[in-house]
N, C-alpha and C. Protein backbone atom coordinates (compact mmCIF):
# COMPACT_ATOMS: atom_id res chain seq x y z
N MET A 1 -27.80 5.43 24.25
CA MET A 1 -27.84 4.89 22.91
C MET A 1 -29.05 5.44 22.17
N VAL A 2 -28.85 5.83 20.94
CA VAL A 2 -29.92 6.38 20.13
C VAL A 2 -30.61 5.25 19.38
N ARG A 3 -31.92 5.22 19.43
CA ARG A 3 -32.67 4.20 18.71
C ARG A 3 -32.92 4.69 17.30
N ILE A 4 -32.43 3.93 16.33
CA ILE A 4 -32.66 4.28 14.93
C ILE A 4 -34.01 3.75 14.49
N SER A 5 -34.27 2.48 14.78
CA SER A 5 -35.51 1.85 14.36
C SER A 5 -36.04 0.99 15.49
N VAL A 6 -37.25 1.31 15.94
CA VAL A 6 -37.89 0.55 17.01
C VAL A 6 -38.19 -0.87 16.52
N LEU A 7 -38.60 -0.98 15.27
CA LEU A 7 -38.94 -2.28 14.70
C LEU A 7 -37.70 -3.17 14.59
N ARG A 8 -36.57 -2.59 14.19
CA ARG A 8 -35.32 -3.37 14.10
C ARG A 8 -34.88 -3.86 15.48
N ASP A 9 -34.99 -3.01 16.50
CA ASP A 9 -34.64 -3.42 17.85
C ASP A 9 -35.53 -4.57 18.33
N CYS A 10 -36.81 -4.49 18.00
CA CYS A 10 -37.76 -5.55 18.36
C CYS A 10 -37.36 -6.86 17.71
N LEU A 11 -37.08 -6.83 16.42
CA LEU A 11 -36.73 -8.06 15.70
C LEU A 11 -35.41 -8.64 16.17
N ASN A 12 -34.43 -7.79 16.45
CA ASN A 12 -33.16 -8.29 16.97
C ASN A 12 -33.34 -8.96 18.32
N GLY A 13 -34.14 -8.37 19.18
CA GLY A 13 -34.40 -8.98 20.48
C GLY A 13 -35.08 -10.33 20.36
N ILE A 14 -36.06 -10.43 19.44
CA ILE A 14 -36.78 -11.69 19.25
C ILE A 14 -35.85 -12.75 18.66
N CYS A 15 -35.06 -12.38 17.64
CA CYS A 15 -34.16 -13.35 17.01
C CYS A 15 -33.09 -13.84 17.98
N ASN A 16 -32.52 -12.93 18.77
CA ASN A 16 -31.49 -13.32 19.73
C ASN A 16 -32.05 -14.24 20.81
N ALA A 17 -33.26 -13.93 21.31
CA ALA A 17 -33.87 -14.78 22.33
C ALA A 17 -34.22 -16.14 21.75
N GLU A 18 -34.65 -16.15 20.48
CA GLU A 18 -34.98 -17.43 19.83
C GLU A 18 -33.73 -18.30 19.66
N LYS A 19 -32.61 -17.67 19.29
CA LYS A 19 -31.36 -18.43 19.13
C LYS A 19 -30.87 -18.98 20.47
N ARG A 20 -31.10 -18.24 21.53
CA ARG A 20 -30.66 -18.69 22.86
C ARG A 20 -31.60 -19.73 23.46
N GLY A 21 -32.76 -19.94 22.84
CA GLY A 21 -33.70 -20.94 23.35
C GLY A 21 -34.60 -20.43 24.45
N LYS A 22 -34.79 -19.13 24.54
CA LYS A 22 -35.64 -18.56 25.58
C LYS A 22 -37.11 -18.83 25.24
N ARG A 23 -37.95 -18.80 26.26
CA ARG A 23 -39.38 -19.02 26.07
C ARG A 23 -40.14 -17.70 25.95
N GLN A 24 -39.58 -16.62 26.51
CA GLN A 24 -40.23 -15.31 26.46
C GLN A 24 -39.18 -14.26 26.19
N VAL A 25 -39.64 -13.14 25.64
CA VAL A 25 -38.76 -11.99 25.45
C VAL A 25 -39.58 -10.73 25.70
N GLN A 26 -38.95 -9.75 26.31
CA GLN A 26 -39.59 -8.47 26.55
C GLN A 26 -39.04 -7.46 25.55
N VAL A 27 -39.95 -6.83 24.82
CA VAL A 27 -39.58 -5.89 23.79
C VAL A 27 -39.99 -4.50 24.24
N ARG A 28 -39.05 -3.57 24.19
CA ARG A 28 -39.37 -2.19 24.47
C ARG A 28 -38.48 -1.30 23.64
N PRO A 29 -38.84 -0.15 23.23
CA PRO A 29 -40.15 0.49 23.39
C PRO A 29 -41.17 -0.12 22.45
N ASN A 30 -42.38 0.36 22.58
CA ASN A 30 -43.52 -0.18 21.90
C ASN A 30 -44.01 0.83 20.85
N SER A 31 -44.62 0.36 19.78
CA SER A 31 -45.26 1.26 18.83
C SER A 31 -46.39 0.52 18.15
N LYS A 32 -47.23 1.26 17.43
CA LYS A 32 -48.35 0.64 16.73
C LYS A 32 -47.87 -0.33 15.67
N VAL A 33 -46.80 0.04 14.96
CA VAL A 33 -46.27 -0.81 13.89
C VAL A 33 -45.74 -2.11 14.48
N VAL A 34 -45.04 -2.04 15.60
CA VAL A 34 -44.51 -3.23 16.25
C VAL A 34 -45.65 -4.17 16.65
N ILE A 35 -46.70 -3.62 17.24
CA ILE A 35 -47.82 -4.46 17.69
C ILE A 35 -48.52 -5.11 16.50
N LYS A 36 -48.78 -4.35 15.44
CA LYS A 36 -49.44 -4.91 14.25
C LYS A 36 -48.59 -6.00 13.62
N PHE A 37 -47.27 -5.76 13.54
CA PHE A 37 -46.38 -6.77 12.97
C PHE A 37 -46.37 -8.04 13.82
N LEU A 38 -46.32 -7.89 15.15
CA LEU A 38 -46.32 -9.06 16.03
C LEU A 38 -47.64 -9.82 15.92
N GLN A 39 -48.74 -9.11 15.69
CA GLN A 39 -50.02 -9.78 15.50
C GLN A 39 -50.04 -10.58 14.20
N VAL A 40 -49.36 -10.08 13.16
CA VAL A 40 -49.26 -10.85 11.91
C VAL A 40 -48.45 -12.11 12.15
N MET A 41 -47.34 -12.00 12.89
CA MET A 41 -46.53 -13.18 13.20
C MET A 41 -47.32 -14.18 14.05
N GLN A 42 -48.12 -13.67 14.96
CA GLN A 42 -48.92 -14.53 15.81
C GLN A 42 -50.00 -15.25 15.00
N LYS A 43 -50.58 -14.55 14.04
CA LYS A 43 -51.63 -15.15 13.20
C LYS A 43 -51.09 -16.31 12.38
N HIS A 44 -49.82 -16.23 11.96
CA HIS A 44 -49.21 -17.28 11.17
C HIS A 44 -48.50 -18.33 12.03
N GLY A 45 -48.56 -18.20 13.35
CA GLY A 45 -48.07 -19.24 14.24
C GLY A 45 -46.58 -19.19 14.54
N TYR A 46 -45.92 -18.07 14.27
CA TYR A 46 -44.49 -17.99 14.54
C TYR A 46 -44.18 -17.60 15.98
N ILE A 47 -45.12 -16.93 16.64
CA ILE A 47 -44.97 -16.59 18.05
C ILE A 47 -46.26 -16.95 18.78
N GLY A 48 -46.18 -17.02 20.11
CA GLY A 48 -47.35 -17.34 20.92
C GLY A 48 -48.10 -16.08 21.32
N ASP A 49 -48.44 -16.00 22.61
CA ASP A 49 -49.24 -14.88 23.12
C ASP A 49 -48.43 -13.59 23.19
N LEU A 50 -49.16 -12.48 23.09
CA LEU A 50 -48.59 -11.14 23.28
C LEU A 50 -49.21 -10.54 24.52
N GLU A 51 -48.39 -9.96 25.37
CA GLU A 51 -48.91 -9.22 26.51
C GLU A 51 -48.38 -7.80 26.42
N ILE A 52 -49.29 -6.86 26.22
CA ILE A 52 -48.91 -5.45 26.06
C ILE A 52 -48.98 -4.79 27.43
N ILE A 53 -47.86 -4.23 27.88
CA ILE A 53 -47.77 -3.59 29.19
C ILE A 53 -47.67 -2.09 28.98
N ASP A 54 -48.63 -1.35 29.53
CA ASP A 54 -48.61 0.11 29.43
C ASP A 54 -48.02 0.67 30.70
N ASP A 55 -46.80 1.17 30.62
CA ASP A 55 -46.14 1.72 31.79
C ASP A 55 -46.15 3.25 31.78
N HIS A 56 -47.04 3.86 31.00
CA HIS A 56 -47.18 5.31 30.86
C HIS A 56 -45.91 5.97 30.35
N ARG A 57 -45.07 5.20 29.68
CA ARG A 57 -43.89 5.74 29.02
C ARG A 57 -43.94 5.26 27.58
N ALA A 58 -42.95 4.51 27.15
CA ALA A 58 -42.94 4.02 25.78
C ALA A 58 -43.69 2.70 25.64
N GLY A 59 -43.92 1.99 26.74
CA GLY A 59 -44.64 0.73 26.69
C GLY A 59 -43.72 -0.45 26.47
N LYS A 60 -44.24 -1.64 26.78
CA LYS A 60 -43.48 -2.88 26.64
C LYS A 60 -44.41 -3.95 26.09
N VAL A 61 -43.82 -4.94 25.46
CA VAL A 61 -44.56 -6.09 24.99
C VAL A 61 -43.80 -7.34 25.42
N VAL A 62 -44.49 -8.29 26.03
CA VAL A 62 -43.90 -9.57 26.39
C VAL A 62 -44.41 -10.58 25.36
N VAL A 63 -43.47 -11.21 24.65
CA VAL A 63 -43.79 -12.14 23.57
C VAL A 63 -43.41 -13.55 24.00
N ASP A 64 -44.36 -14.48 23.88
CA ASP A 64 -44.07 -15.90 24.12
C ASP A 64 -43.54 -16.50 22.83
N LEU A 65 -42.37 -17.13 22.91
CA LEU A 65 -41.74 -17.70 21.72
C LEU A 65 -42.11 -19.17 21.58
N VAL A 66 -42.26 -19.61 20.34
CA VAL A 66 -42.67 -20.98 20.05
C VAL A 66 -41.48 -21.79 19.54
N GLY A 67 -40.48 -21.14 18.98
CA GLY A 67 -39.32 -21.85 18.46
C GLY A 67 -39.36 -22.04 16.95
N ARG A 68 -40.17 -21.26 16.23
CA ARG A 68 -40.31 -21.43 14.79
C ARG A 68 -39.53 -20.41 13.97
N ILE A 69 -39.01 -19.37 14.59
CA ILE A 69 -38.36 -18.30 13.83
C ILE A 69 -36.92 -18.69 13.55
N ASN A 70 -36.56 -18.71 12.27
CA ASN A 70 -35.18 -18.96 11.88
C ASN A 70 -34.44 -17.65 11.65
N LYS A 71 -35.08 -16.73 10.96
CA LYS A 71 -34.45 -15.45 10.67
C LYS A 71 -35.54 -14.43 10.44
N CYS A 72 -35.29 -13.21 10.90
CA CYS A 72 -36.21 -12.13 10.61
C CYS A 72 -35.40 -10.84 10.54
N GLY A 73 -35.85 -9.91 9.73
CA GLY A 73 -35.11 -8.67 9.57
C GLY A 73 -35.96 -7.57 8.96
N VAL A 74 -35.51 -6.35 9.18
CA VAL A 74 -36.18 -5.17 8.64
C VAL A 74 -35.56 -4.83 7.30
N ILE A 75 -36.39 -4.41 6.37
CA ILE A 75 -35.89 -3.95 5.08
C ILE A 75 -35.95 -2.43 5.10
N SER A 76 -34.76 -1.83 5.03
CA SER A 76 -34.66 -0.39 5.13
C SER A 76 -33.81 0.12 3.98
N PRO A 77 -34.24 1.10 3.25
CA PRO A 77 -35.46 1.88 3.36
C PRO A 77 -36.68 1.08 2.93
N ARG A 78 -37.84 1.58 3.29
CA ARG A 78 -39.10 0.89 2.98
C ARG A 78 -39.45 1.14 1.51
N PHE A 79 -39.07 0.19 0.67
CA PHE A 79 -39.27 0.34 -0.76
C PHE A 79 -40.74 0.22 -1.13
N ASP A 80 -41.14 0.97 -2.15
CA ASP A 80 -42.47 0.80 -2.73
C ASP A 80 -42.49 -0.49 -3.53
N VAL A 81 -43.55 -1.25 -3.37
CA VAL A 81 -43.70 -2.51 -4.09
C VAL A 81 -45.07 -2.49 -4.77
N CYS A 82 -45.08 -2.57 -6.10
CA CYS A 82 -46.37 -2.66 -6.79
C CYS A 82 -46.78 -4.13 -6.85
N LEU A 83 -48.00 -4.36 -7.26
CA LEU A 83 -48.57 -5.70 -7.22
C LEU A 83 -47.77 -6.70 -8.05
N GLY A 84 -47.29 -6.28 -9.21
CA GLY A 84 -46.55 -7.19 -10.07
C GLY A 84 -45.17 -7.56 -9.55
N ASP A 85 -44.59 -6.72 -8.70
CA ASP A 85 -43.23 -6.96 -8.20
C ASP A 85 -43.18 -7.78 -6.92
N ILE A 86 -44.34 -8.06 -6.32
CA ILE A 86 -44.36 -8.76 -5.03
C ILE A 86 -43.76 -10.15 -5.16
N GLU A 87 -44.13 -10.88 -6.22
CA GLU A 87 -43.64 -12.25 -6.39
C GLU A 87 -42.13 -12.29 -6.61
N GLN A 88 -41.61 -11.36 -7.40
CA GLN A 88 -40.17 -11.30 -7.66
C GLN A 88 -39.40 -10.95 -6.39
N LEU A 89 -39.92 -10.01 -5.61
CA LEU A 89 -39.28 -9.62 -4.37
C LEU A 89 -39.28 -10.76 -3.36
N ALA A 90 -40.40 -11.50 -3.30
CA ALA A 90 -40.48 -12.64 -2.39
C ALA A 90 -39.48 -13.72 -2.77
N SER A 91 -39.29 -13.95 -4.06
CA SER A 91 -38.33 -14.97 -4.47
C SER A 91 -36.89 -14.52 -4.22
N ASN A 92 -36.63 -13.22 -4.24
CA ASN A 92 -35.29 -12.71 -3.95
C ASN A 92 -34.95 -12.80 -2.46
N ILE A 93 -35.91 -12.56 -1.60
CA ILE A 93 -35.64 -12.44 -0.16
C ILE A 93 -35.87 -13.75 0.58
N LEU A 94 -36.96 -14.46 0.28
CA LEU A 94 -37.33 -15.65 1.04
C LEU A 94 -36.60 -16.88 0.51
N PRO A 95 -36.37 -17.88 1.36
CA PRO A 95 -35.60 -19.05 0.93
C PRO A 95 -36.34 -19.96 -0.05
N SER A 96 -37.67 -20.04 0.02
CA SER A 96 -38.40 -20.84 -0.95
C SER A 96 -39.83 -20.31 -1.06
N ARG A 97 -40.58 -20.88 -2.00
CA ARG A 97 -41.93 -20.37 -2.25
C ARG A 97 -42.91 -20.71 -1.14
N GLN A 98 -42.73 -21.87 -0.52
CA GLN A 98 -43.70 -22.31 0.49
C GLN A 98 -43.31 -21.87 1.90
N PHE A 99 -42.31 -21.05 2.03
CA PHE A 99 -41.67 -20.85 3.32
C PHE A 99 -41.42 -19.37 3.53
N GLY A 100 -41.88 -18.82 4.64
CA GLY A 100 -41.57 -17.44 4.99
C GLY A 100 -42.61 -16.45 4.52
N HIS A 101 -42.48 -15.23 5.04
CA HIS A 101 -43.45 -14.17 4.73
C HIS A 101 -42.72 -12.84 4.62
N LEU A 102 -43.23 -12.01 3.72
CA LEU A 102 -42.86 -10.59 3.66
C LEU A 102 -44.02 -9.81 4.25
N VAL A 103 -43.72 -8.79 5.02
CA VAL A 103 -44.77 -7.97 5.61
C VAL A 103 -44.74 -6.62 4.92
N LEU A 104 -45.92 -6.22 4.42
CA LEU A 104 -46.07 -4.95 3.71
C LEU A 104 -47.00 -4.05 4.51
N THR A 105 -46.79 -2.76 4.38
CA THR A 105 -47.77 -1.82 4.89
C THR A 105 -48.51 -1.26 3.70
N THR A 106 -49.81 -1.42 3.70
CA THR A 106 -50.65 -1.01 2.58
C THR A 106 -51.71 -0.04 3.07
N THR A 107 -52.55 0.39 2.15
CA THR A 107 -53.66 1.26 2.56
C THR A 107 -54.71 0.49 3.36
N TYR A 108 -54.67 -0.85 3.27
CA TYR A 108 -55.60 -1.68 4.03
C TYR A 108 -55.01 -2.12 5.36
N GLY A 109 -53.81 -1.68 5.70
CA GLY A 109 -53.17 -2.05 6.95
C GLY A 109 -51.92 -2.87 6.72
N ILE A 110 -51.35 -3.39 7.79
CA ILE A 110 -50.13 -4.19 7.72
C ILE A 110 -50.52 -5.64 7.49
N MET A 111 -49.96 -6.25 6.43
CA MET A 111 -50.33 -7.62 6.06
C MET A 111 -49.17 -8.30 5.36
N THR A 112 -49.28 -9.61 5.17
CA THR A 112 -48.25 -10.36 4.46
C THR A 112 -48.41 -10.17 2.96
N HIS A 113 -47.40 -10.63 2.22
CA HIS A 113 -47.43 -10.44 0.78
C HIS A 113 -48.53 -11.28 0.12
N GLU A 114 -48.89 -12.41 0.71
CA GLU A 114 -49.96 -13.23 0.14
C GLU A 114 -51.32 -12.54 0.29
N GLU A 115 -51.56 -11.94 1.47
CA GLU A 115 -52.81 -11.21 1.67
C GLU A 115 -52.89 -10.00 0.75
N ALA A 116 -51.76 -9.32 0.54
CA ALA A 116 -51.75 -8.16 -0.35
C ALA A 116 -52.06 -8.58 -1.78
N ARG A 117 -51.54 -9.74 -2.18
CA ARG A 117 -51.84 -10.23 -3.52
C ARG A 117 -53.32 -10.59 -3.65
N ARG A 118 -53.90 -11.18 -2.60
CA ARG A 118 -55.32 -11.52 -2.62
C ARG A 118 -56.19 -10.27 -2.67
N LYS A 119 -55.78 -9.22 -1.94
CA LYS A 119 -56.55 -7.98 -1.93
C LYS A 119 -56.22 -7.09 -3.12
N HIS A 120 -55.28 -7.53 -3.95
CA HIS A 120 -54.90 -6.84 -5.19
C HIS A 120 -54.39 -5.43 -4.90
N THR A 121 -53.40 -5.35 -4.00
CA THR A 121 -52.83 -4.05 -3.64
C THR A 121 -51.32 -4.17 -3.44
N GLY A 122 -50.65 -3.08 -3.59
CA GLY A 122 -49.22 -2.99 -3.31
C GLY A 122 -49.01 -2.19 -2.04
N GLY A 123 -47.76 -1.80 -1.79
CA GLY A 123 -47.48 -1.02 -0.59
C GLY A 123 -45.99 -0.86 -0.38
N LYS A 124 -45.61 -0.61 0.83
CA LYS A 124 -44.19 -0.48 1.19
C LYS A 124 -43.79 -1.72 1.98
N ILE A 125 -42.60 -2.22 1.68
CA ILE A 125 -42.15 -3.44 2.35
C ILE A 125 -41.50 -3.07 3.69
N LEU A 126 -41.90 -3.80 4.74
CA LEU A 126 -41.38 -3.55 6.09
C LEU A 126 -40.36 -4.59 6.53
N VAL A 127 -40.79 -5.86 6.57
CA VAL A 127 -40.05 -6.89 7.28
C VAL A 127 -40.16 -8.21 6.51
N PHE A 128 -39.20 -9.10 6.72
CA PHE A 128 -39.33 -10.48 6.30
C PHE A 128 -39.09 -11.37 7.50
N PHE A 129 -39.73 -12.52 7.52
CA PHE A 129 -39.45 -13.52 8.56
C PHE A 129 -39.73 -14.91 8.01
N PHE A 130 -38.93 -15.85 8.48
CA PHE A 130 -39.14 -17.26 8.14
C PHE A 130 -38.49 -18.14 9.19
């Protein structure tokens, strides 16, 4: 099987394990973007601990699930989002204003849409989760 998007495979594995009620999920292959995104989810309390396993190949990540993820998905292609369009995009994708996060890749790194608004920067949209 050909992998189109490592990030999409990671999110599908996490969502499927969450729906089945699993406590842990192993995600492979690994990449810098996947790790940074999982750290953003961990910072907001959607997942528990991350264990990064280096097997001298593509790598693996073991994610502890907390049971808070309802839906997550990759936005492809990665659209450019300027600062003024972040709020409109968030209202189109997320179910409500107080709920969920968009993840952007900016010149300051990978962050949520609220952090990007605070840092007054735009970027490319990667993922949504709530």
